[in-house]
Amino acid sequence: MNAIIERWVRTSRRELLDRVLIWNQRQLPHALREYERFSNLHRPHQGIANVRPLKPLPEPITDPDQLARPNIHRRDRLGGVLHEYEHAA
């Protein structure tokens, strides 16, 4: 378990804490919770087919028009430090 926690701390530090200036003790838990949600719900992980831990794989895109002109939406989290991308419905 030590190696898993060390990797999570290193990743959260590199992707979040090195890019954000934390002003007070209330902001740090908020930023870490938001990063944890981003990491577990949106960010791809190395696993079976890079599936996200808490969500199933999305349906594959088979429509040629949709492949030629993808409609992708970006959602910023933590003031633009983290970005989520997804296909529009």
PDB file of N, CA and C in Angstrom:
ATOM      1  N   MET A   1       0.820  -1.196   0.000  1.00  0.00           N
ATOM      2  CA  MET A   1       0.000   0.000   0.000  1.00  0.00           C
ATOM      3  C   MET A   1       0.864   1.260   0.000  1.00  0.00           C
ATOM      4  N   ASN A   2       2.047   1.166   0.541  1.00  0.00           N
ATOM      5  CA  ASN A   2       2.913   2.325   0.596  1.00  0.00           C
ATOM      6  C   ASN A   2       3.238   2.849  -0.803  1.00  0.00           C
ATOM      7  N   ALA A   3       3.520   1.953  -1.740  1.00  0.00           N
ATOM      8  CA  ALA A   3       3.859   2.370  -3.104  1.00  0.00           C
ATOM      9  C   ALA A   3       2.664   3.030  -3.791  1.00  0.00           C
ATOM     10  N   ILE A   4       1.465   2.542  -3.541  1.00  0.00           N
ATOM     11  CA  ILE A   4       0.263   3.125  -4.151  1.00  0.00           C
ATOM     12  C   ILE A   4       0.046   4.546  -3.644  1.00  0.00           C
ATOM     13  N   ILE A   5       0.170   4.734  -2.352  1.00  0.00           N
ATOM     14  CA  ILE A   5      -0.019   6.065  -1.773  1.00  0.00           C
ATOM     15  C   ILE A   5       1.079   7.015  -2.246  1.00  0.00           C
ATOM     16  N   GLU A   6       2.313   6.524  -2.308  1.00  0.00           N
ATOM     17  CA  GLU A   6       3.402   7.374  -2.785  1.00  0.00           C
ATOM     18  C   GLU A   6       3.161   7.816  -4.218  1.00  0.00           C
ATOM     19  N   ARG A   7       2.643   6.926  -5.046  1.00  0.00           N
ATOM     20  CA  ARG A   7       2.361   7.298  -6.432  1.00  0.00           C
ATOM     21  C   ARG A   7       1.231   8.323  -6.511  1.00  0.00           C
ATOM     22  N   TRP A   8       0.179   8.147  -5.684  1.00  0.00           N
ATOM     23  CA  TRP A   8      -0.938   9.099  -5.684  1.00  0.00           C
ATOM     24  C   TRP A   8      -0.463  10.470  -5.218  1.00  0.00           C
ATOM     25  N   VAL A   9       0.353  10.499  -4.177  1.00  0.00           N
ATOM     26  CA  VAL A   9       0.872  11.773  -3.674  1.00  0.00           C
ATOM     27  C   VAL A   9       1.735  12.442  -4.735  1.00  0.00           C
ATOM     28  N   ARG A  10       2.605  11.680  -5.396  1.00  0.00           N
ATOM     29  CA  ARG A  10       3.470  12.253  -6.427  1.00  0.00           C
ATOM     30  C   ARG A  10       2.644  12.795  -7.597  1.00  0.00           C
ATOM     31  N   THR A  11       1.629  12.030  -8.017  1.00  0.00           N
ATOM     32  CA  THR A  11       0.793  12.466  -9.138  1.00  0.00           C
ATOM     33  C   THR A  11      -0.028  13.693  -8.770  1.00  0.00           C
ATOM     34  N   SER A  12      -0.661  13.689  -7.610  1.00  0.00           N
ATOM     35  CA  SER A  12      -1.471  14.843  -7.201  1.00  0.00           C
ATOM     36  C   SER A  12      -0.594  16.074  -6.998  1.00  0.00           C
ATOM     37  N   ARG A  13       0.593  15.871  -6.523  1.00  0.00           N
ATOM     38  CA  ARG A  13       1.503  17.002  -6.354  1.00  0.00           C
ATOM     39  C   ARG A  13       1.908  17.584  -7.709  1.00  0.00           C
ATOM     40  N   ARG A  14       2.254  16.707  -8.667  1.00  0.00           N
ATOM     41  CA  ARG A  14       2.699  17.165  -9.981  1.00  0.00           C
ATOM     42  C   ARG A  14       1.553  17.805 -10.773  1.00  0.00           C
ATOM     43  N   GLU A  15       0.372  17.189 -10.752  1.00  0.00           N
ATOM     44  CA  GLU A  15      -0.731  17.670 -11.582  1.00  0.00           C
ATOM     45  C   GLU A  15      -1.567  18.768 -10.933  1.00  0.00           C
ATOM     46  N   LEU A  16      -1.505  18.889  -9.605  1.00  0.00           N
ATOM     47  CA  LEU A  16      -2.376  19.852  -8.936  1.00  0.00           C
ATOM     48  C   LEU A  16      -1.592  20.855  -8.101  1.00  0.00           C
ATOM     49  N   LEU A  17      -0.877  20.378  -7.116  1.00  0.00           N
ATOM     50  CA  LEU A  17      -0.293  21.279  -6.132  1.00  0.00           C
ATOM     51  C   LEU A  17       0.854  22.119  -6.688  1.00  0.00           C
ATOM     52  N   ASP A  18       1.543  21.640  -7.719  1.00  0.00           N
ATOM     53  CA  ASP A  18       2.593  22.451  -8.332  1.00  0.00           C
ATOM     54  C   ASP A  18       2.023  23.563  -9.202  1.00  0.00           C
ATOM     55  N   ARG A  19       0.735  23.515  -9.503  1.00  0.00           N
ATOM     56  CA  ARG A  19       0.101  24.496 -10.385  1.00  0.00           C
ATOM     57  C   ARG A  19      -0.840  25.450  -9.661  1.00  0.00           C
ATOM     58  N   VAL A  20      -1.117  25.188  -8.389  1.00  0.00           N
ATOM     59  CA  VAL A  20      -2.109  25.966  -7.652  1.00  0.00           C
ATOM     60  C   VAL A  20      -1.451  26.571  -6.420  1.00  0.00           C
ATOM     61  N   LEU A  21      -1.756  27.820  -6.151  1.00  0.00           N
ATOM     62  CA  LEU A  21      -1.301  28.462  -4.932  1.00  0.00           C
ATOM     63  C   LEU A  21      -2.403  28.308  -3.891  1.00  0.00           C
ATOM     64  N   ILE A  22      -2.123  27.557  -2.850  1.00  0.00           N
ATOM     65  CA  ILE A  22      -3.096  27.308  -1.781  1.00  0.00           C
ATOM     66  C   ILE A  22      -2.979  28.441  -0.769  1.00  0.00           C
ATOM     67  N   TRP A  23      -4.102  29.129  -0.505  1.00  0.00           N
ATOM     68  CA  TRP A  23      -4.081  30.286   0.374  1.00  0.00           C
ATOM     69  C   TRP A  23      -4.318  29.946   1.843  1.00  0.00           C
ATOM     70  N   ASN A  24      -5.178  28.960   2.130  1.00  0.00           N
ATOM     71  CA  ASN A  24      -5.495  28.676   3.533  1.00  0.00           C
ATOM     72  C   ASN A  24      -5.843  27.200   3.710  1.00  0.00           C
ATOM     73  N   GLN A  25      -6.121  26.813   4.939  1.00  0.00           N
ATOM     74  CA  GLN A  25      -6.395  25.408   5.246  1.00  0.00           C
ATOM     75  C   GLN A  25      -7.738  24.937   4.711  1.00  0.00           C
ATOM     76  N   ARG A  26      -8.668  25.824   4.462  1.00  0.00           N
ATOM     77  CA  ARG A  26      -9.957  25.415   3.888  1.00  0.00           C
ATOM     78  C   ARG A  26      -9.834  25.089   2.411  1.00  0.00           C
ATOM     79  N   GLN A  27      -8.938  25.763   1.713  1.00  0.00           N
ATOM     80  CA  GLN A  27      -8.797  25.564   0.274  1.00  0.00           C
ATOM     81  C   GLN A  27      -8.106  24.247  -0.057  1.00  0.00           C
ATOM     82  N   LEU A  28      -7.159  23.806   0.759  1.00  0.00           N
ATOM     83  CA  LEU A  28      -6.416  22.579   0.471  1.00  0.00           C
ATOM     84  C   LEU A  28      -7.319  21.349   0.423  1.00  0.00           C
ATOM     85  N   PRO A  29      -8.164  21.063   1.440  1.00  0.00           N
ATOM     86  CA  PRO A  29      -9.048  19.884   1.320  1.00  0.00           C
ATOM     87  C   PRO A  29     -10.011  19.979   0.143  1.00  0.00           C
ATOM     88  N   HIS A  30     -10.485  21.197  -0.160  1.00  0.00           N
ATOM     89  CA  HIS A  30     -11.392  21.366  -1.312  1.00  0.00           C
ATOM     90  C   HIS A  30     -10.675  21.004  -2.606  1.00  0.00           C
ATOM     91  N   ALA A  31      -9.458  21.503  -2.778  1.00  0.00           N
ATOM     92  CA  ALA A  31      -8.697  21.216  -3.992  1.00  0.00           C
ATOM     93  C   ALA A  31      -8.372  19.732  -4.101  1.00  0.00           C
ATOM     94  N   LEU A  32      -8.008  19.097  -3.002  1.00  0.00           N
ATOM     95  CA  LEU A  32      -7.683  17.670  -3.028  1.00  0.00           C
ATOM     96  C   LEU A  32      -8.919  16.811  -3.305  1.00  0.00           C
ATOM     97  N   ARG A  33     -10.077  17.192  -2.748  1.00  0.00           N
ATOM     98  CA  ARG A  33     -11.316  16.445  -3.037  1.00  0.00           C
ATOM     99  C   ARG A  33     -11.682  16.569  -4.504  1.00  0.00           C
ATOM    100  N   GLU A  34     -11.557  17.769  -5.056  1.00  0.00           N
ATOM    101  CA  GLU A  34     -11.878  17.983  -6.469  1.00  0.00           C
ATOM    102  C   GLU A  34     -10.931  17.183  -7.363  1.00  0.00           C
ATOM    103  N   TYR A  35      -9.645  17.155  -7.007  1.00  0.00           N
ATOM    104  CA  TYR A  35      -8.686  16.368  -7.780  1.00  0.00           C
ATOM    105  C   TYR A  35      -8.990  14.877  -7.652  1.00  0.00           C
ATOM    106  N   GLU A  36      -9.391  14.434  -6.469  1.00  0.00           N
ATOM    107  CA  GLU A  36      -9.739  13.020  -6.283  1.00  0.00           C
ATOM    108  C   GLU A  36     -10.938  12.641  -7.149  1.00  0.00           C
ATOM    109  N   ARG A  37     -11.964  13.491  -7.193  1.00  0.00           N
ATOM    110  CA  ARG A  37     -13.120  13.228  -8.059  1.00  0.00           C
ATOM    111  C   ARG A  37     -12.701  13.172  -9.525  1.00  0.00           C
ATOM    112  N   PHE A  38     -11.873  14.121  -9.934  1.00  0.00           N
ATOM    113  CA  PHE A  38     -11.374  14.154 -11.315  1.00  0.00           C
ATOM    114  C   PHE A  38     -10.590  12.874 -11.623  1.00  0.00           C
ATOM    115  N   SER A  39      -9.743  12.465 -10.696  1.00  0.00           N
ATOM    116  CA  SER A  39      -8.895  11.299 -10.913  1.00  0.00           C
ATOM    117  C   SER A  39      -9.715  10.011 -10.989  1.00  0.00           C
ATOM    118  N   ASN A  40     -10.723   9.890 -10.138  1.00  0.00           N
ATOM    119  CA  ASN A  40     -11.496   8.645 -10.090  1.00  0.00           C
ATOM    120  C   ASN A  40     -12.629   8.580 -11.097  1.00  0.00           C
ATOM    121  N   LEU A  41     -13.181   9.716 -11.479  1.00  0.00           N
ATOM    122  CA  LEU A  41     -14.353   9.687 -12.349  1.00  0.00           C
ATOM    123  C   LEU A  41     -14.068  10.023 -13.801  1.00  0.00           C
ATOM    124  N   HIS A  42     -13.023  10.771 -14.082  1.00  0.00           N
ATOM    125  CA  HIS A  42     -12.828  11.210 -15.468  1.00  0.00           C
ATOM    126  C   HIS A  42     -11.500  10.770 -16.071  1.00  0.00           C
ATOM    127  N   ARG A  43     -10.451  10.895 -15.345  1.00  0.00           N
ATOM    128  CA  ARG A  43      -9.110  10.656 -15.877  1.00  0.00           C
ATOM    129  C   ARG A  43      -8.914   9.195 -16.252  1.00  0.00           C
ATOM    130  N   PRO A  44      -8.384   8.905 -17.442  1.00  0.00           N
ATOM    131  CA  PRO A  44      -8.126   7.505 -17.800  1.00  0.00           C
ATOM    132  C   PRO A  44      -6.980   6.928 -16.972  1.00  0.00           C
ATOM    133  N   HIS A  45      -7.083   5.658 -16.676  1.00  0.00           N
ATOM    134  CA  HIS A  45      -6.080   4.977 -15.875  1.00  0.00           C
ATOM    135  C   HIS A  45      -5.533   3.785 -16.644  1.00  0.00           C
ATOM    136  N   GLN A  46      -4.363   3.337 -16.260  1.00  0.00           N
ATOM    137  CA  GLN A  46      -3.810   2.125 -16.848  1.00  0.00           C
ATOM    138  C   GLN A  46      -4.522   0.943 -16.219  1.00  0.00           C
ATOM    139  N   GLY A  47      -5.303   0.286 -16.981  1.00  0.00           N
ATOM    140  CA  GLY A  47      -6.056  -0.858 -16.513  1.00  0.00           C
ATOM    141  C   GLY A  47      -6.603  -1.588 -17.720  1.00  0.00           C
ATOM    142  N   ILE A  48      -7.655  -2.293 -17.533  1.00  0.00           N
ATOM    143  CA  ILE A  48      -8.279  -3.003 -18.639  1.00  0.00           C
ATOM    144  C   ILE A  48      -8.868  -1.967 -19.588  1.00  0.00           C
ATOM    145  N   ALA A  49      -8.285  -1.823 -20.750  1.00  0.00           N
ATOM    146  CA  ALA A  49      -8.736  -0.894 -21.797  1.00  0.00           C
ATOM    147  C   ALA A  49      -8.775   0.555 -21.319  1.00  0.00           C
ATOM    148  N   ASN A  50      -7.926   0.924 -20.371  1.00  0.00           N
ATOM    149  CA  ASN A  50      -7.868   2.280 -19.806  1.00  0.00           C
ATOM    150  C   ASN A  50      -9.219   2.760 -19.290  1.00  0.00           C
ATOM    151  N   VAL A  51     -10.010   1.873 -18.732  1.00  0.00           N
ATOM    152  CA  VAL A  51     -11.327   2.228 -18.221  1.00  0.00           C
ATOM    153  C   VAL A  51     -11.171   3.048 -16.937  1.00  0.00           C
ATOM    154  N   ARG A  52     -12.058   4.002 -16.760  1.00  0.00           N
ATOM    155  CA  ARG A  52     -12.063   4.786 -15.535  1.00  0.00           C
ATOM    156  C   ARG A  52     -12.563   3.898 -14.406  1.00  0.00           C
ATOM    157  N   PRO A  53     -12.066   4.057 -13.201  1.00  0.00           N
ATOM    158  CA  PRO A  53     -12.417   3.138 -12.126  1.00  0.00           C
ATOM    159  C   PRO A  53     -13.900   3.050 -11.800  1.00  0.00           C
ATOM    160  N   LEU A  54     -14.624   4.154 -11.818  1.00  0.00           N
ATOM    161  CA  LEU A  54     -16.009   4.142 -11.352  1.00  0.00           C
ATOM    162  C   LEU A  54     -17.040   4.280 -12.458  1.00  0.00           C
ATOM    163  N   LYS A  55     -16.617   4.199 -13.724  1.00  0.00           N
ATOM    164  CA  LYS A  55     -17.564   4.317 -14.830  1.00  0.00           C
ATOM    165  C   LYS A  55     -17.263   3.270 -15.888  1.00  0.00           C
ATOM    166  N   PRO A  56     -18.286   2.797 -16.591  1.00  0.00           N
ATOM    167  CA  PRO A  56     -18.044   1.844 -17.681  1.00  0.00           C
ATOM    168  C   PRO A  56     -17.474   2.554 -18.908  1.00  0.00           C
ATOM    169  N   LEU A  57     -16.995   1.774 -19.846  1.00  0.00           N
ATOM    170  CA  LEU A  57     -16.471   2.333 -21.091  1.00  0.00           C
ATOM    171  C   LEU A  57     -17.594   2.994 -21.887  1.00  0.00           C
ATOM    172  N   PRO A  58     -17.336   4.113 -22.559  1.00  0.00           N
ATOM    173  CA  PRO A  58     -18.366   4.742 -23.389  1.00  0.00           C
ATOM    174  C   PRO A  58     -18.611   3.916 -24.650  1.00  0.00           C
ATOM    175  N   GLU A  59     -19.752   4.152 -25.247  1.00  0.00           N
ATOM    176  CA  GLU A  59     -20.087   3.461 -26.489  1.00  0.00           C
ATOM    177  C   GLU A  59     -19.160   3.933 -27.605  1.00  0.00           C
ATOM    178  N   PRO A  60     -18.709   3.046 -28.478  1.00  0.00           N
ATOM    179  CA  PRO A  60     -17.838   3.472 -29.567  1.00  0.00           C
ATOM    180  C   PRO A  60     -18.602   4.316 -30.591  1.00  0.00           C
ATOM    181  N   ILE A  61     -17.905   5.218 -31.242  1.00  0.00           N
ATOM    182  CA  ILE A  61     -18.503   6.086 -32.255  1.00  0.00           C
ATOM    183  C   ILE A  61     -18.383   5.370 -33.598  1.00  0.00           C
ATOM    184  N   THR A  62     -19.525   5.112 -34.220  1.00  0.00           N
ATOM    185  CA  THR A  62     -19.530   4.392 -35.493  1.00  0.00           C
ATOM    186  C   THR A  62     -20.026   5.246 -36.650  1.00  0.00           C
ATOM    187  N   ASP A  63     -20.635   6.381 -36.373  1.00  0.00           N
ATOM    188  CA  ASP A  63     -21.156   7.260 -37.418  1.00  0.00           C
ATOM    189  C   ASP A  63     -20.001   7.995 -38.089  1.00  0.00           C
ATOM    190  N   PRO A  64     -19.820   7.858 -39.423  1.00  0.00           N
ATOM    191  CA  PRO A  64     -18.701   8.525 -40.105  1.00  0.00           C
ATOM    192  C   PRO A  64     -18.726  10.052 -39.990  1.00  0.00           C
ATOM    193  N   ASP A  65     -19.934  10.658 -39.981  1.00  0.00           N
ATOM    194  CA  ASP A  65     -20.017  12.115 -39.849  1.00  0.00           C
ATOM    195  C   ASP A  65     -19.502  12.583 -38.490  1.00  0.00           C
ATOM    196  N   GLN A  66     -19.817  11.807 -37.477  1.00  0.00           N
ATOM    197  CA  GLN A  66     -19.380  12.156 -36.131  1.00  0.00           C
ATOM    198  C   GLN A  66     -17.866  11.985 -35.984  1.00  0.00           C
ATOM    199  N   LEU A  67     -17.301  11.033 -36.711  1.00  0.00           N
ATOM    200  CA  LEU A  67     -15.855  10.841 -36.669  1.00  0.00           C
ATOM    201  C   LEU A  67     -15.127  11.959 -37.409  1.00  0.00           C
ATOM    202  N   ALA A  68     -15.715  12.457 -38.491  1.00  0.00           N
ATOM    203  CA  ALA A  68     -15.081  13.506 -39.284  1.00  0.00           C
ATOM    204  C   ALA A  68     -15.129  14.856 -38.569  1.00  0.00           C
ATOM    205  N   ARG A  69     -16.243  15.156 -37.908  1.00  0.00           N
ATOM    206  CA  ARG A  69     -16.405  16.419 -37.198  1.00  0.00           C
ATOM    207  C   ARG A  69     -16.852  16.155 -35.763  1.00  0.00           C
ATOM    208  N   PRO A  70     -15.928  15.819 -34.894  1.00  0.00           N
ATOM    209  CA  PRO A  70     -16.334  15.510 -33.515  1.00  0.00           C
ATOM    210  C   PRO A  70     -16.796  16.770 -32.775  1.00  0.00           C
ATOM    211  N   ASN A  71     -17.822  16.613 -31.987  1.00  0.00           N
ATOM    212  CA  ASN A  71     -18.356  17.693 -31.165  1.00  0.00           C
ATOM    213  C   ASN A  71     -17.907  17.433 -29.728  1.00  0.00           C
ATOM    214  N   ILE A  72     -16.846  18.102 -29.330  1.00  0.00           N
ATOM    215  CA  ILE A  72     -16.248  17.841 -28.024  1.00  0.00           C
ATOM    216  C   ILE A  72     -16.430  19.060 -27.136  1.00  0.00           C
ATOM    217  N   HIS A  73     -16.852  18.805 -25.896  1.00  0.00           N
ATOM    218  CA  HIS A  73     -17.020  19.866 -24.908  1.00  0.00           C
ATOM    219  C   HIS A  73     -15.931  19.753 -23.861  1.00  0.00           C
ATOM    220  N   ARG A  74     -15.428  20.906 -23.436  1.00  0.00           N
ATOM    221  CA  ARG A  74     -14.426  20.949 -22.372  1.00  0.00           C
ATOM    222  C   ARG A  74     -15.039  21.583 -21.143  1.00  0.00           C
ATOM    223  N   ARG A  75     -14.804  20.963 -19.992  1.00  0.00           N
ATOM    224  CA  ARG A  75     -15.270  21.504 -18.724  1.00  0.00           C
ATOM    225  C   ARG A  75     -14.057  21.745 -17.837  1.00  0.00           C
ATOM    226  N   ASP A  76     -13.890  22.975 -17.375  1.00  0.00           N
ATOM    227  CA  ASP A  76     -12.770  23.312 -16.505  1.00  0.00           C
ATOM    228  C   ASP A  76     -13.138  23.036 -15.056  1.00  0.00           C
ATOM    229  N   ARG A  77     -12.159  22.527 -14.311  1.00  0.00           N
ATOM    230  CA  ARG A  77     -12.332  22.307 -12.879  1.00  0.00           C
ATOM    231  C   ARG A  77     -11.195  22.992 -12.147  1.00  0.00           C
ATOM    232  N   LEU A  78     -11.461  23.428 -10.957  1.00  0.00           N
ATOM    233  CA  LEU A  78     -10.500  24.155 -10.124  1.00  0.00           C
ATOM    234  C   LEU A  78      -9.949  25.379 -10.850  1.00  0.00           C
ATOM    235  N   GLY A  79     -10.834  26.138 -11.442  1.00  0.00           N
ATOM    236  CA  GLY A  79     -10.432  27.380 -12.082  1.00  0.00           C
ATOM    237  C   GLY A  79      -9.586  27.205 -13.326  1.00  0.00           C
ATOM    238  N   GLY A  80      -9.704  26.076 -13.985  1.00  0.00           N
ATOM    239  CA  GLY A  80      -8.978  25.851 -15.223  1.00  0.00           C
ATOM    240  C   GLY A  80      -7.706  25.050 -15.070  1.00  0.00           C
ATOM    241  N   VAL A  81      -7.398  24.577 -13.863  1.00  0.00           N
ATOM    242  CA  VAL A  81      -6.208  23.751 -13.663  1.00  0.00           C
ATOM    243  C   VAL A  81      -6.432  22.357 -14.238  1.00  0.00           C
ATOM    244  N   LEU A  82      -7.617  21.816 -14.027  1.00  0.00           N
ATOM    245  CA  LEU A  82      -7.970  20.493 -14.547  1.00  0.00           C
ATOM    246  C   LEU A  82      -9.005  20.670 -15.650  1.00  0.00           C
ATOM    247  N   HIS A  83      -8.903  19.878 -16.707  1.00  0.00           N
ATOM    248  CA  HIS A  83      -9.838  19.947 -17.829  1.00  0.00           C
ATOM    249  C   HIS A  83     -10.436  18.573 -18.075  1.00  0.00           C
ATOM    250  N   GLU A  84     -11.750  18.544 -18.297  1.00  0.00           N
ATOM    251  CA  GLU A  84     -12.438  17.306 -18.686  1.00  0.00           C
ATOM    252  C   GLU A  84     -12.956  17.495 -20.104  1.00  0.00           C
ATOM    253  N   TYR A  85     -12.736  16.507 -20.935  1.00  0.00           N
ATOM    254  CA  TYR A  85     -13.216  16.533 -22.320  1.00  0.00           C
ATOM    255  C   TYR A  85     -14.186  15.378 -22.529  1.00  0.00           C
ATOM    256  N   GLU A  86     -15.302  15.651 -23.228  1.00  0.00           N
ATOM    257  CA  GLU A  86     -16.245  14.585 -23.541  1.00  0.00           C
ATOM    258  C   GLU A  86     -16.996  14.929 -24.820  1.00  0.00           C
ATOM    259  N   HIS A  87     -17.488  13.891 -25.466  1.00  0.00           N
ATOM    260  CA  HIS A  87     -18.275  14.078 -26.679  1.00  0.00           C
ATOM    261  C   HIS A  87     -19.645  14.608 -26.294  1.00  0.00           C
ATOM    262  N   ALA A  88     -20.132  15.548 -27.060  1.00  0.00           N
ATOM    263  CA  ALA A  88     -21.472  16.090 -26.813  1.00  0.00           C
ATOM    264  C   ALA A  88     -22.499  15.091 -27.293  1.00  0.00           C
ATOM    265  N   ALA A  89     -23.618  15.060 -26.638  1.00  0.00           N
ATOM    266  CA  ALA A  89     -24.680  14.114 -26.999  1.00  0.00           C
ATOM    267  C   ALA A  89     -25.375  14.522 -28.269  1.00  0.00           C
TER     268      ALA A  89
END
